[in-house]
Amino acid sequence: MGVLFSPFIVPVALFFTIGAVAILRGPIGKALADRLAGRVPERLPSGETEALQGEVEELRYRVTELEERLDFAERVLAQRRESDQLPPGS
């Protein structure tokens, strides 16, 4: 039996066809069609964009603070582990 007439080709082809149709009929397909048609995606109002940028800056600041706290906690734990070890030759 040849590779072209394998009994698995029809179900696999059907699976990929149904998957492609489902993807292209959804939001991804609509976005792709808009791009191909040359339509520009909707933009957020400038006030909303500025508010989101402010929120992102606040979140960046908070992440930086958390990183510093984590670094401090790791240093404290490392120092504690070193002090709990017995000195050499004991």
Protein backbone atom coordinates (compact mmCIF):
# COMPACT_ATOMS: atom_id res chain seq x y z
CA MET A 1 0.00 0.00 0.00
CA GLY A 2 1.36 3.41 -0.92
CA VAL A 3 1.79 6.35 1.36
CA LEU A 4 -0.88 8.31 -0.50
CA PHE A 5 -3.56 5.74 0.28
CA SER A 6 -2.82 5.29 3.96
CA PRO A 7 -6.01 4.86 6.03
CA PHE A 8 -4.85 7.66 8.35
CA ILE A 9 -4.63 10.35 5.67
CA VAL A 10 -8.37 11.09 5.50
CA PRO A 11 -8.91 11.56 9.27
CA VAL A 12 -5.73 13.64 9.61
CA ALA A 13 -6.65 15.84 6.64
CA LEU A 14 -10.18 16.24 8.02
CA PHE A 15 -8.81 17.17 11.44
CA PHE A 16 -6.50 19.85 10.01
CA THR A 17 -9.22 21.20 7.71
CA ILE A 18 -11.72 21.57 10.57
CA GLY A 19 -9.04 23.17 12.75
CA ALA A 20 -8.06 25.65 10.05
CA VAL A 21 -11.70 26.60 9.42
CA ALA A 22 -12.33 27.07 13.15
CA ILE A 23 -9.27 29.30 13.52
CA LEU A 24 -9.96 31.35 10.39
CA ARG A 25 -13.62 31.91 11.31
CA GLY A 26 -12.70 33.18 14.77
CA PRO A 27 -11.07 36.41 15.92
CA ILE A 28 -7.71 35.47 14.41
CA GLY A 29 -9.27 35.07 10.97
CA LYS A 30 -11.17 38.34 11.30
CA ALA A 31 -7.99 40.18 12.30
CA LEU A 32 -6.14 38.61 9.37
CA ALA A 33 -8.94 39.64 6.98
CA ASP A 34 -8.84 43.20 8.34
CA ARG A 35 -5.08 43.36 7.79
CA LEU A 36 -5.39 42.02 4.25
CA ALA A 37 -8.17 44.52 3.49
CA GLY A 38 -5.97 47.36 4.74
CA ARG A 39 -8.25 48.33 7.61
CA VAL A 40 -6.57 49.89 10.60
CA PRO A 41 -7.27 48.25 13.97
CA GLU A 42 -9.26 50.27 16.47
CA ARG A 43 -7.24 52.57 18.69
CA LEU A 44 -7.93 53.38 22.31
CA PRO A 45 -8.85 56.96 23.16
CA SER A 46 -5.80 59.01 24.16
CA GLY A 47 -7.05 59.50 27.73
CA GLU A 48 -7.42 55.77 28.19
CA THR A 49 -4.00 55.15 26.67
CA GLU A 50 -2.40 57.61 29.08
CA ALA A 51 -4.20 56.00 32.02
CA LEU A 52 -2.93 52.59 30.97
CA GLN A 53 0.61 53.94 30.58
CA GLY A 54 0.43 55.38 34.10
CA GLU A 55 -0.78 52.06 35.44
CA VAL A 56 2.06 50.23 33.67
CA GLU A 57 4.60 52.62 35.21
CA GLU A 58 3.11 52.02 38.67
CA LEU A 59 3.29 48.26 38.15
CA ARG A 60 6.92 48.52 37.01
CA TYR A 61 7.74 50.44 40.18
CA ARG A 62 6.02 47.80 42.30
CA VAL A 63 7.86 44.97 40.53
CA THR A 64 11.18 46.75 41.15
CA GLU A 65 10.32 47.08 44.85
CA LEU A 66 9.41 43.39 45.02
CA GLU A 67 12.68 42.42 43.32
CA GLU A 68 14.64 44.41 45.89
CA ARG A 69 12.73 42.77 48.75
CA LEU A 70 13.32 39.33 47.27
CA ASP A 71 17.05 40.02 46.88
CA PHE A 72 17.22 41.17 50.51
CA ALA A 73 15.37 38.06 51.74
CA GLU A 74 17.69 35.81 49.72
CA ARG A 75 20.77 37.50 51.20
CA VAL A 76 19.41 37.13 54.76
CA LEU A 77 18.65 33.45 54.20
CA ALA A 78 22.09 32.84 52.68
CA GLN A 79 23.80 34.52 55.66
CA ARG A 80 21.72 32.47 58.08
CA ARG A 81 22.67 29.24 56.31
CA GLU A 82 26.35 30.16 56.44
CA SER A 83 26.20 30.94 60.16
CA ASP A 84 24.37 27.67 60.91
CA GLN A 85 27.17 25.60 59.39
CA LEU A 86 29.89 24.27 61.65
CA PRO A 87 33.32 25.84 61.23
CA PRO A 88 35.94 23.64 59.55
CA GLY A 89 37.85 21.32 61.87
CA SER A 90 35.06 20.91 64.44
